[in-house]
Amino acid sequence: MIVNSISGAPKIMTPSYGETMEKKDFSRCLESAINEKNNKKLYSACQELESVFLNKILDTMRQSIPRSELSGRSFATETFESMLYTEYARSMSKTGSLGIADIIYKQLSGQM
């Protein structure tokens, strides 16, 4: 059993507060954009979905990296890396290089 060094509680694989809030924010933004027929808001919601998808991919990739005992793992390091990879995902989705947001936008706006 892995014990968190700060709280002493077992570390459980549950969604973090940030992930839960991202899902709620995304669904609220998507519903608002579809109801208002606002193309900019809809595209923004599609970019957010792409960002969440990329964040999950990057998080899985980060977890697959073997860690050495020299670097040490602390709550602060975990939090910083999580926030860093979230920003990486947002930046990647804003560039539109993957095109996932474009495909989702076309599907939701009825352009396909």
N, C-alpha and C. Protein backbone atom coordinates (compact mmCIF):
# COMPACT_ATOMS: atom_id res chain seq x y z
N MET A 1 0.84 -1.18 0.00
CA MET A 1 0.00 0.00 0.00
C MET A 1 0.89 1.23 0.00
N ILE A 2 0.59 2.16 -0.87
CA ILE A 2 1.33 3.42 -0.95
C ILE A 2 0.66 4.42 -0.02
N VAL A 3 1.46 5.03 0.84
CA VAL A 3 0.93 6.00 1.78
C VAL A 3 1.45 7.37 1.41
N ASN A 4 0.55 8.33 1.32
CA ASN A 4 0.91 9.70 1.03
C ASN A 4 1.68 10.25 2.22
N SER A 5 2.85 10.83 1.95
CA SER A 5 3.71 11.28 3.04
C SER A 5 3.15 12.47 3.80
N ILE A 6 2.24 13.21 3.21
CA ILE A 6 1.72 14.40 3.89
C ILE A 6 0.54 14.05 4.80
N SER A 7 -0.46 13.40 4.27
CA SER A 7 -1.66 13.15 5.05
C SER A 7 -1.65 11.80 5.76
N GLY A 8 -0.81 10.89 5.32
CA GLY A 8 -0.78 9.57 5.91
C GLY A 8 -1.90 8.68 5.43
N ALA A 9 -2.74 9.18 4.54
CA ALA A 9 -3.86 8.40 4.01
C ALA A 9 -3.41 7.60 2.80
N PRO A 10 -4.02 6.45 2.57
CA PRO A 10 -3.66 5.67 1.39
C PRO A 10 -3.94 6.45 0.11
N LYS A 11 -3.06 6.27 -0.85
CA LYS A 11 -3.22 6.94 -2.13
C LYS A 11 -4.16 6.10 -2.98
N ILE A 12 -5.30 6.64 -3.36
CA ILE A 12 -6.31 5.91 -4.10
C ILE A 12 -6.41 6.49 -5.50
N MET A 13 -6.64 5.63 -6.49
CA MET A 13 -6.75 6.07 -7.87
C MET A 13 -8.15 6.65 -8.11
N THR A 14 -8.36 7.87 -7.73
CA THR A 14 -9.62 8.55 -7.97
C THR A 14 -9.35 9.82 -8.74
N PRO A 15 -10.34 10.32 -9.48
CA PRO A 15 -10.12 11.56 -10.22
C PRO A 15 -9.84 12.71 -9.26
N SER A 16 -8.93 13.55 -9.63
CA SER A 16 -8.60 14.68 -8.79
C SER A 16 -9.71 15.72 -8.88
N TYR A 17 -9.68 16.66 -7.97
CA TYR A 17 -10.67 17.73 -7.95
C TYR A 17 -10.61 18.52 -9.26
N GLY A 18 -9.40 18.78 -9.75
CA GLY A 18 -9.24 19.53 -11.00
C GLY A 18 -9.85 18.81 -12.18
N GLU A 19 -9.67 17.49 -12.26
CA GLU A 19 -10.25 16.72 -13.36
C GLU A 19 -11.77 16.77 -13.30
N THR A 20 -12.33 16.65 -12.10
CA THR A 20 -13.78 16.70 -11.96
C THR A 20 -14.32 18.05 -12.37
N MET A 21 -13.64 19.12 -11.96
CA MET A 21 -14.08 20.46 -12.33
C MET A 21 -13.92 20.70 -13.82
N GLU A 22 -12.86 20.16 -14.45
CA GLU A 22 -12.68 20.31 -15.89
C GLU A 22 -13.86 19.70 -16.63
N LYS A 23 -14.30 18.53 -16.20
CA LYS A 23 -15.42 17.86 -16.85
C LYS A 23 -16.70 18.69 -16.72
N LYS A 24 -16.95 19.22 -15.51
CA LYS A 24 -18.15 20.02 -15.29
C LYS A 24 -18.08 21.31 -16.10
N ASP A 25 -16.93 21.97 -16.10
CA ASP A 25 -16.77 23.20 -16.86
C ASP A 25 -16.95 22.95 -18.34
N PHE A 26 -16.39 21.87 -18.85
CA PHE A 26 -16.50 21.55 -20.27
C PHE A 26 -17.95 21.30 -20.65
N SER A 27 -18.65 20.47 -19.87
CA SER A 27 -20.03 20.15 -20.23
C SER A 27 -20.91 21.38 -20.17
N ARG A 28 -20.69 22.24 -19.19
CA ARG A 28 -21.46 23.48 -19.09
C ARG A 28 -21.17 24.40 -20.29
N CYS A 29 -19.91 24.50 -20.66
CA CYS A 29 -19.51 25.34 -21.80
C CYS A 29 -20.08 24.79 -23.10
N LEU A 30 -20.05 23.48 -23.27
CA LEU A 30 -20.57 22.85 -24.48
C LEU A 30 -22.07 23.06 -24.61
N GLU A 31 -22.81 22.83 -23.54
CA GLU A 31 -24.26 23.02 -23.58
C GLU A 31 -24.61 24.47 -23.89
N SER A 32 -23.89 25.39 -23.29
CA SER A 32 -24.13 26.82 -23.54
C SER A 32 -23.87 27.16 -25.00
N ALA A 33 -22.79 26.66 -25.55
CA ALA A 33 -22.44 26.97 -26.94
C ALA A 33 -23.45 26.38 -27.92
N ILE A 34 -23.89 25.16 -27.68
CA ILE A 34 -24.86 24.53 -28.58
C ILE A 34 -26.21 25.24 -28.49
N ASN A 35 -26.64 25.58 -27.28
CA ASN A 35 -27.93 26.24 -27.10
C ASN A 35 -27.94 27.63 -27.73
N GLU A 36 -26.85 28.36 -27.63
CA GLU A 36 -26.79 29.72 -28.14
C GLU A 36 -26.40 29.77 -29.61
N LYS A 37 -26.03 28.64 -30.18
CA LYS A 37 -25.56 28.59 -31.57
C LYS A 37 -24.40 29.56 -31.78
N ASN A 38 -23.57 29.67 -30.77
CA ASN A 38 -22.42 30.57 -30.84
C ASN A 38 -21.21 29.76 -31.31
N ASN A 39 -20.75 30.03 -32.52
CA ASN A 39 -19.67 29.24 -33.10
C ASN A 39 -18.35 29.39 -32.37
N LYS A 40 -18.05 30.59 -31.89
CA LYS A 40 -16.79 30.79 -31.17
C LYS A 40 -16.78 30.00 -29.86
N LYS A 41 -17.90 30.04 -29.15
CA LYS A 41 -17.98 29.29 -27.89
C LYS A 41 -17.92 27.79 -28.15
N LEU A 42 -18.58 27.36 -29.21
CA LEU A 42 -18.58 25.93 -29.54
C LEU A 42 -17.16 25.47 -29.88
N TYR A 43 -16.45 26.26 -30.67
CA TYR A 43 -15.08 25.88 -31.03
C TYR A 43 -14.18 25.90 -29.79
N SER A 44 -14.42 26.86 -28.90
CA SER A 44 -13.65 26.92 -27.66
C SER A 44 -13.90 25.67 -26.81
N ALA A 45 -15.16 25.24 -26.75
CA ALA A 45 -15.49 24.02 -26.00
C ALA A 45 -14.83 22.80 -26.63
N CYS A 46 -14.77 22.78 -27.96
CA CYS A 46 -14.12 21.67 -28.65
C CYS A 46 -12.62 21.66 -28.36
N GLN A 47 -12.02 22.84 -28.28
CA GLN A 47 -10.60 22.91 -27.93
C GLN A 47 -10.37 22.45 -26.50
N GLU A 48 -11.31 22.77 -25.60
CA GLU A 48 -11.19 22.30 -24.22
C GLU A 48 -11.26 20.78 -24.15
N LEU A 49 -12.16 20.19 -24.94
CA LEU A 49 -12.26 18.73 -24.96
C LEU A 49 -10.97 18.12 -25.49
N GLU A 50 -10.41 18.70 -26.54
CA GLU A 50 -9.14 18.22 -27.07
C GLU A 50 -8.05 18.35 -26.01
N SER A 51 -8.09 19.44 -25.26
CA SER A 51 -7.11 19.66 -24.20
C SER A 51 -7.22 18.60 -23.11
N VAL A 52 -8.44 18.25 -22.72
CA VAL A 52 -8.65 17.21 -21.70
C VAL A 52 -8.14 15.87 -22.22
N PHE A 53 -8.42 15.57 -23.48
CA PHE A 53 -7.95 14.33 -24.10
C PHE A 53 -6.42 14.28 -24.11
N LEU A 54 -5.80 15.37 -24.55
CA LEU A 54 -4.33 15.43 -24.59
C LEU A 54 -3.74 15.34 -23.18
N ASN A 55 -4.41 15.95 -22.22
CA ASN A 55 -3.92 15.90 -20.84
C ASN A 55 -3.91 14.47 -20.33
N LYS A 56 -4.94 13.70 -20.67
CA LYS A 56 -4.98 12.28 -20.26
C LYS A 56 -3.85 11.50 -20.92
N ILE A 57 -3.60 11.77 -22.20
CA ILE A 57 -2.51 11.09 -22.90
C ILE A 57 -1.17 11.44 -22.26
N LEU A 58 -0.94 12.72 -22.04
CA LEU A 58 0.33 13.16 -21.45
C LEU A 58 0.50 12.62 -20.03
N ASP A 59 -0.60 12.57 -19.27
CA ASP A 59 -0.53 12.05 -17.90
C ASP A 59 -0.16 10.57 -17.91
N THR A 60 -0.74 9.82 -18.82
CA THR A 60 -0.41 8.39 -18.95
C THR A 60 1.05 8.21 -19.36
N MET A 61 1.50 9.05 -20.28
CA MET A 61 2.90 8.98 -20.71
C MET A 61 3.83 9.30 -19.54
N ARG A 62 3.47 10.32 -18.77
CA ARG A 62 4.30 10.72 -17.63
C ARG A 62 4.38 9.61 -16.59
N GLN A 63 3.28 8.92 -16.36
CA GLN A 63 3.26 7.84 -15.38
C GLN A 63 4.07 6.63 -15.83
N SER A 64 4.28 6.49 -17.13
CA SER A 64 5.02 5.34 -17.63
C SER A 64 6.53 5.53 -17.55
N ILE A 65 6.98 6.73 -17.22
CA ILE A 65 8.41 7.00 -17.12
C ILE A 65 8.93 6.41 -15.81
N PRO A 66 9.95 5.56 -15.87
CA PRO A 66 10.51 5.01 -14.63
C PRO A 66 11.15 6.12 -13.79
N ARG A 67 10.89 6.09 -12.51
CA ARG A 67 11.43 7.11 -11.59
C ARG A 67 12.59 6.53 -10.81
N SER A 68 13.62 7.33 -10.65
CA SER A 68 14.74 6.89 -9.83
C SER A 68 14.54 7.39 -8.41
N GLU A 69 15.19 6.75 -7.49
CA GLU A 69 15.10 7.16 -6.09
C GLU A 69 15.88 8.44 -5.83
N LEU A 70 16.75 8.82 -6.75
CA LEU A 70 17.55 10.03 -6.56
C LEU A 70 16.73 11.30 -6.66
N SER A 71 15.76 11.31 -7.57
CA SER A 71 14.99 12.53 -7.78
C SER A 71 13.95 12.76 -6.69
N GLY A 72 13.48 11.72 -6.07
CA GLY A 72 12.50 11.86 -5.01
C GLY A 72 11.14 12.28 -5.55
N ARG A 73 10.10 11.84 -4.91
CA ARG A 73 8.74 12.19 -5.32
C ARG A 73 8.05 12.84 -4.14
N SER A 74 7.63 14.05 -4.32
CA SER A 74 6.91 14.73 -3.26
C SER A 74 5.57 15.20 -3.80
N PHE A 75 4.70 15.59 -2.91
CA PHE A 75 3.40 16.10 -3.31
C PHE A 75 3.56 17.36 -4.17
N ALA A 76 4.51 18.20 -3.80
CA ALA A 76 4.76 19.44 -4.56
C ALA A 76 5.22 19.13 -5.98
N THR A 77 6.11 18.17 -6.12
CA THR A 77 6.60 17.78 -7.45
C THR A 77 5.47 17.21 -8.29
N GLU A 78 4.68 16.34 -7.69
CA GLU A 78 3.54 15.75 -8.41
C GLU A 78 2.56 16.84 -8.87
N THR A 79 2.26 17.78 -7.98
CA THR A 79 1.34 18.87 -8.31
C THR A 79 1.90 19.74 -9.42
N PHE A 80 3.17 20.09 -9.31
CA PHE A 80 3.80 20.93 -10.33
C PHE A 80 3.78 20.24 -11.69
N GLU A 81 4.16 18.97 -11.73
CA GLU A 81 4.18 18.24 -13.00
C GLU A 81 2.78 18.12 -13.59
N SER A 82 1.79 17.89 -12.74
CA SER A 82 0.42 17.78 -13.21
C SER A 82 -0.04 19.10 -13.84
N MET A 83 0.26 20.20 -13.17
CA MET A 83 -0.12 21.52 -13.70
C MET A 83 0.66 21.84 -14.98
N LEU A 84 1.91 21.46 -15.03
CA LEU A 84 2.74 21.70 -16.20
C LEU A 84 2.19 20.95 -17.41
N TYR A 85 1.84 19.69 -17.22
CA TYR A 85 1.32 18.90 -18.32
C TYR A 85 -0.08 19.36 -18.74
N THR A 86 -0.85 19.90 -17.81
CA THR A 86 -2.14 20.48 -18.16
C THR A 86 -1.95 21.68 -19.07
N GLU A 87 -0.97 22.51 -18.76
CA GLU A 87 -0.67 23.67 -19.61
C GLU A 87 -0.11 23.25 -20.96
N TYR A 88 0.70 22.20 -20.97
CA TYR A 88 1.18 21.66 -22.25
C TYR A 88 0.00 21.25 -23.12
N ALA A 89 -0.96 20.56 -22.52
CA ALA A 89 -2.13 20.10 -23.27
C ALA A 89 -2.94 21.27 -23.80
N ARG A 90 -3.13 22.30 -22.98
CA ARG A 90 -3.86 23.49 -23.44
C ARG A 90 -3.14 24.16 -24.59
N SER A 91 -1.84 24.28 -24.47
CA SER A 91 -1.04 24.91 -25.52
C SER A 91 -1.12 24.11 -26.82
N MET A 92 -1.05 22.79 -26.70
CA MET A 92 -1.12 21.93 -27.88
C MET A 92 -2.49 22.04 -28.55
N SER A 93 -3.55 22.12 -27.76
CA SER A 93 -4.88 22.20 -28.35
C SER A 93 -5.13 23.56 -28.99
N LYS A 94 -4.52 24.61 -28.47
CA LYS A 94 -4.69 25.95 -29.05
C LYS A 94 -4.02 26.07 -30.41
N THR A 95 -2.94 25.32 -30.64
CA THR A 95 -2.26 25.40 -31.93
C THR A 95 -3.05 24.72 -33.03
N GLY A 96 -3.89 23.76 -32.66
CA GLY A 96 -4.69 23.05 -33.65
C GLY A 96 -3.91 22.06 -34.48
N SER A 97 -2.75 21.68 -34.03
CA SER A 97 -1.89 20.79 -34.82
C SER A 97 -2.44 19.37 -34.92
N LEU A 98 -3.21 18.92 -33.95
CA LEU A 98 -3.77 17.58 -34.02
C LEU A 98 -5.06 17.55 -34.83
N GLY A 99 -5.84 18.60 -34.76
CA GLY A 99 -7.07 18.68 -35.54
C GLY A 99 -8.27 18.01 -34.91
N ILE A 100 -8.14 17.55 -33.68
CA ILE A 100 -9.26 16.89 -33.01
C ILE A 100 -10.39 17.88 -32.76
N ALA A 101 -10.05 19.08 -32.32
CA ALA A 101 -11.06 20.11 -32.06
C ALA A 101 -11.82 20.46 -33.33
N ASP A 102 -11.12 20.52 -34.45
CA ASP A 102 -11.76 20.83 -35.73
C ASP A 102 -12.79 19.76 -36.11
N ILE A 103 -12.41 18.51 -35.94
CA ILE A 103 -13.32 17.40 -36.28
C ILE A 103 -14.54 17.42 -35.37
N ILE A 104 -14.34 17.62 -34.08
CA ILE A 104 -15.45 17.67 -33.13
C ILE A 104 -16.35 18.86 -33.44
N TYR A 105 -15.75 20.00 -33.76
CA TYR A 105 -16.52 21.20 -34.09
C TYR A 105 -17.40 20.96 -35.32
N LYS A 106 -16.83 20.37 -36.34
CA LYS A 106 -17.60 20.10 -37.56
C LYS A 106 -18.76 19.15 -37.27
N GLN A 107 -18.50 18.16 -36.44
CA GLN A 107 -19.54 17.19 -36.10
C GLN A 107 -20.68 17.86 -35.31
N LEU A 108 -20.33 18.66 -34.31
CA LEU A 108 -21.35 19.28 -33.47
C LEU A 108 -22.09 20.42 -34.15
N SER A 109 -21.43 21.09 -35.06
CA SER A 109 -22.09 22.22 -35.74
C SER A 109 -22.84 21.77 -36.98
N GLY A 110 -22.77 20.50 -37.32
CA GLY A 110 -23.51 19.97 -38.45
C GLY A 110 -22.88 20.25 -39.79
N GLN A 111 -21.57 20.47 -39.83
CA GLN A 111 -20.88 20.78 -41.07
C GLN A 111 -20.33 19.53 -41.75
N MET A 112 -20.50 18.37 -41.17
CA MET A 112 -19.97 17.14 -41.78
C MET A 112 -21.02 16.47 -42.62
